[in-house]
Amino acid sequence: MINAYAAMSPGEKLTPYTFEPGALGENEVEITVKYCGICHSDISMIDNDWGMSSYPLVAGHEVVGVINQIGKEVTQFHVGQVVGLGWYADYCESCEQCHNGDENLCSDLTGTIVSHHGGFADKVRANANSVIALPENIDLESVGPLLCGGVTVFNPLV
């Protein structure tokens, strides 16, 4: 079971919400959430400002945590590894953008909080292809905003 805080309808306060995530996918990781930032996009999704929210909505896309489970096909991570998860929870891995390293431009991606439960929870799941390994000496409390606003600024510069 995953324990979270969710909005049950647009603009509602977050309330405790528990759900069964089902079997872990072969390319997924499950992350024990240590820290999760809050971004204006989380508020926009909670309030359905963009008309694409589905409820119950577990927001939180600036996730920092430790992998507690890995799918059988995951080779780039290990249980106990410190990772981050930003706006995207999965990419198609087959389009030109994914093959060129521009996964953020993939037309068939999954948003971490768009029809997917995010990090305002004790655990979150994502495809390993969207998870970022973090250095051991980084200040975990400060990483969250880098996974959203930091990438938003960095990507166009690249």
Protein backbone atom coordinates (compact mmCIF):
# COMPACT_ATOMS: atom_id res chain seq x y z
CA MET A 1 0.00 0.00 0.00
CA ILE A 2 1.03 3.56 -0.62
CA ASN A 3 -0.03 6.30 1.78
CA ALA A 4 -0.45 9.70 0.18
CA TYR A 5 -2.18 13.05 0.34
CA ALA A 6 -4.60 13.65 -2.52
CA ALA A 7 -7.07 16.19 -3.81
CA MET A 8 -10.36 14.39 -4.44
CA SER A 9 -11.72 17.10 -6.74
CA PRO A 10 -10.56 20.44 -8.17
CA GLY A 11 -9.35 22.95 -5.61
CA GLU A 12 -9.94 20.72 -2.60
CA LYS A 13 -7.57 20.49 0.32
CA LEU A 14 -5.30 17.47 0.33
CA THR A 15 -6.57 14.60 2.45
CA PRO A 16 -5.05 11.25 3.43
CA TYR A 17 -5.41 8.68 0.65
CA THR A 18 -4.21 5.09 0.51
CA PHE A 19 -3.98 3.04 -2.68
CA GLU A 20 -2.68 -0.30 -3.91
CA PRO A 21 -0.18 0.29 -6.74
CA GLY A 22 -0.35 -3.26 -8.07
CA ALA A 23 2.64 -5.30 -9.21
CA LEU A 24 5.85 -3.42 -9.91
CA GLY A 25 6.50 -3.21 -13.65
CA GLU A 26 9.61 -4.89 -15.02
CA ASN A 27 11.13 -1.50 -15.97
CA GLU A 28 9.92 0.38 -12.90
CA VAL A 29 11.46 1.42 -9.63
CA GLU A 30 9.69 2.17 -6.38
CA ILE A 31 11.11 5.08 -4.43
CA THR A 32 10.69 5.74 -0.72
CA VAL A 33 10.09 9.49 -0.66
CA LYS A 34 12.44 11.40 1.64
CA TYR A 35 11.66 14.92 0.36
CA CYS A 36 9.23 16.38 -2.14
CA GLY A 37 9.10 20.01 -3.16
CA ILE A 38 5.95 21.88 -4.13
CA CYS A 39 5.72 23.82 -7.35
CA HIS A 40 3.04 26.08 -8.80
CA SER A 41 2.38 23.30 -11.33
CA ASP A 42 1.31 21.05 -8.45
CA ILE A 43 -1.23 23.69 -7.42
CA SER A 44 -2.38 24.11 -11.03
CA MET A 45 -2.95 20.36 -11.30
CA ILE A 46 -4.76 20.20 -7.94
CA ASP A 47 -7.04 23.04 -9.10
CA ASN A 48 -7.37 21.59 -12.66
CA ASP A 49 -6.27 24.93 -14.11
CA TRP A 50 -5.07 23.20 -17.30
CA GLY A 51 -8.14 20.98 -17.73
CA MET A 52 -6.18 17.70 -17.65
CA SER A 53 -6.29 16.63 -14.01
CA SER A 54 -7.80 13.34 -12.92
CA TYR A 55 -8.85 12.63 -9.35
CA PRO A 56 -7.92 11.54 -6.82
CA LEU A 57 -4.79 13.54 -7.65
CA VAL A 58 -1.56 12.91 -5.77
CA ALA A 59 0.66 15.85 -6.70
CA GLY A 60 4.41 16.18 -6.17
CA HIS A 61 6.95 16.09 -8.99
CA GLU A 62 10.09 17.25 -7.18
CA VAL A 63 10.78 13.89 -5.56
CA VAL A 64 13.97 12.89 -3.75
CA GLY A 65 14.20 9.46 -2.22
CA VAL A 66 15.75 6.02 -2.00
CA ILE A 67 14.95 3.09 -4.27
CA ASN A 68 13.31 0.28 -2.28
CA GLN A 69 12.31 -2.01 -5.18
CA ILE A 70 13.44 -2.50 -8.76
CA GLY A 71 11.74 -4.28 -11.64
CA LYS A 72 13.40 -7.36 -13.10
CA GLU A 73 14.63 -5.50 -16.22
CA VAL A 74 16.18 -2.56 -14.32
CA THR A 75 19.97 -2.70 -14.43
CA GLN A 76 21.08 0.92 -13.99
CA PHE A 77 19.87 1.28 -10.39
CA HIS A 78 20.03 -0.74 -7.19
CA VAL A 79 17.99 -0.93 -4.01
CA GLY A 80 19.23 1.69 -1.55
CA GLN A 81 20.35 4.14 -4.25
CA VAL A 82 19.44 7.82 -3.78
CA VAL A 83 17.51 9.21 -6.76
CA GLY A 84 15.36 12.07 -7.99
CA LEU A 85 12.16 12.11 -10.03
CA GLY A 86 10.94 15.24 -11.80
CA TRP A 87 7.98 16.13 -14.03
CA TYR A 88 8.15 12.96 -16.18
CA ALA A 89 7.59 9.40 -14.93
CA ASP A 90 8.08 7.60 -18.27
CA TYR A 91 9.04 8.06 -21.92
CA CYS A 92 8.24 5.92 -24.97
CA GLU A 93 11.92 5.13 -25.63
CA SER A 94 11.18 4.56 -29.32
CA CYS A 95 10.71 7.99 -30.92
CA GLU A 96 13.39 10.20 -32.48
CA GLN A 97 13.42 12.54 -29.48
CA CYS A 98 14.03 9.68 -27.04
CA HIS A 99 16.80 8.27 -29.23
CA ASN A 100 18.48 11.69 -29.47
CA GLY A 101 18.46 12.34 -25.71
CA ASP A 102 15.57 14.81 -25.91
CA GLU A 103 13.12 12.70 -23.91
CA ASN A 104 11.42 15.84 -22.61
CA LEU A 105 10.11 16.36 -26.17
CA CYS A 106 8.67 12.82 -26.44
CA SER A 107 5.06 12.94 -27.64
CA ASP A 108 4.14 9.78 -25.70
CA LEU A 109 5.46 10.53 -22.23
CA THR A 110 3.83 10.14 -18.83
CA GLY A 111 3.78 13.08 -16.45
CA THR A 112 4.57 12.24 -12.84
CA ILE A 113 1.31 13.88 -11.72
CA VAL A 114 -0.72 13.63 -14.95
CA SER A 115 -2.89 10.48 -14.66
CA HIS A 116 -0.14 9.13 -12.39
CA HIS A 117 0.32 9.44 -8.63
CA GLY A 118 3.18 11.70 -7.58
CA GLY A 119 5.41 12.25 -4.60
CA PHE A 120 3.07 13.64 -1.94
CA ALA A 121 3.24 10.11 -0.62
CA ASP A 122 5.48 7.74 1.30
CA LYS A 123 6.38 5.97 -1.99
CA VAL A 124 6.20 6.71 -5.70
CA ARG A 125 6.78 4.56 -8.76
CA ALA A 126 8.24 5.48 -12.13
CA ASN A 127 9.91 3.90 -15.10
CA ALA A 128 13.64 3.68 -14.44
CA ASN A 129 14.27 5.66 -17.65
CA SER A 130 12.93 8.81 -15.96
CA VAL A 131 14.75 8.52 -12.63
CA ILE A 132 17.98 10.43 -11.97
CA ALA A 133 20.81 9.06 -9.83
CA LEU A 134 21.93 11.64 -7.27
CA PRO A 135 25.44 12.04 -5.90
CA GLU A 136 25.88 10.73 -2.37
CA ASN A 137 27.22 14.02 -0.99
CA ILE A 138 24.40 16.27 -2.27
CA ASP A 139 22.10 18.05 0.20
CA LEU A 140 18.91 16.03 -0.34
CA GLU A 141 16.68 18.68 1.23
CA SER A 142 17.69 21.15 -1.51
CA VAL A 143 17.47 18.94 -4.61
CA GLY A 144 13.70 19.06 -5.29
CA PRO A 145 13.52 22.39 -7.14
CA LEU A 146 16.39 21.33 -9.41
CA LEU A 147 14.15 18.55 -10.73
CA CYS A 148 11.59 21.07 -12.01
CA GLY A 149 12.57 24.73 -12.19
CA GLY A 150 16.26 23.90 -12.54
CA VAL A 151 15.65 21.62 -15.51
CA THR A 152 13.17 24.10 -17.00
CA VAL A 153 15.92 26.71 -17.17
CA PHE A 154 18.76 24.31 -18.06
CA ASN A 155 17.11 22.48 -21.00
CA PRO A 156 16.66 25.51 -23.30
CA LEU A 157 20.22 26.61 -22.59
CA VAL A 158 21.54 23.23 -23.74
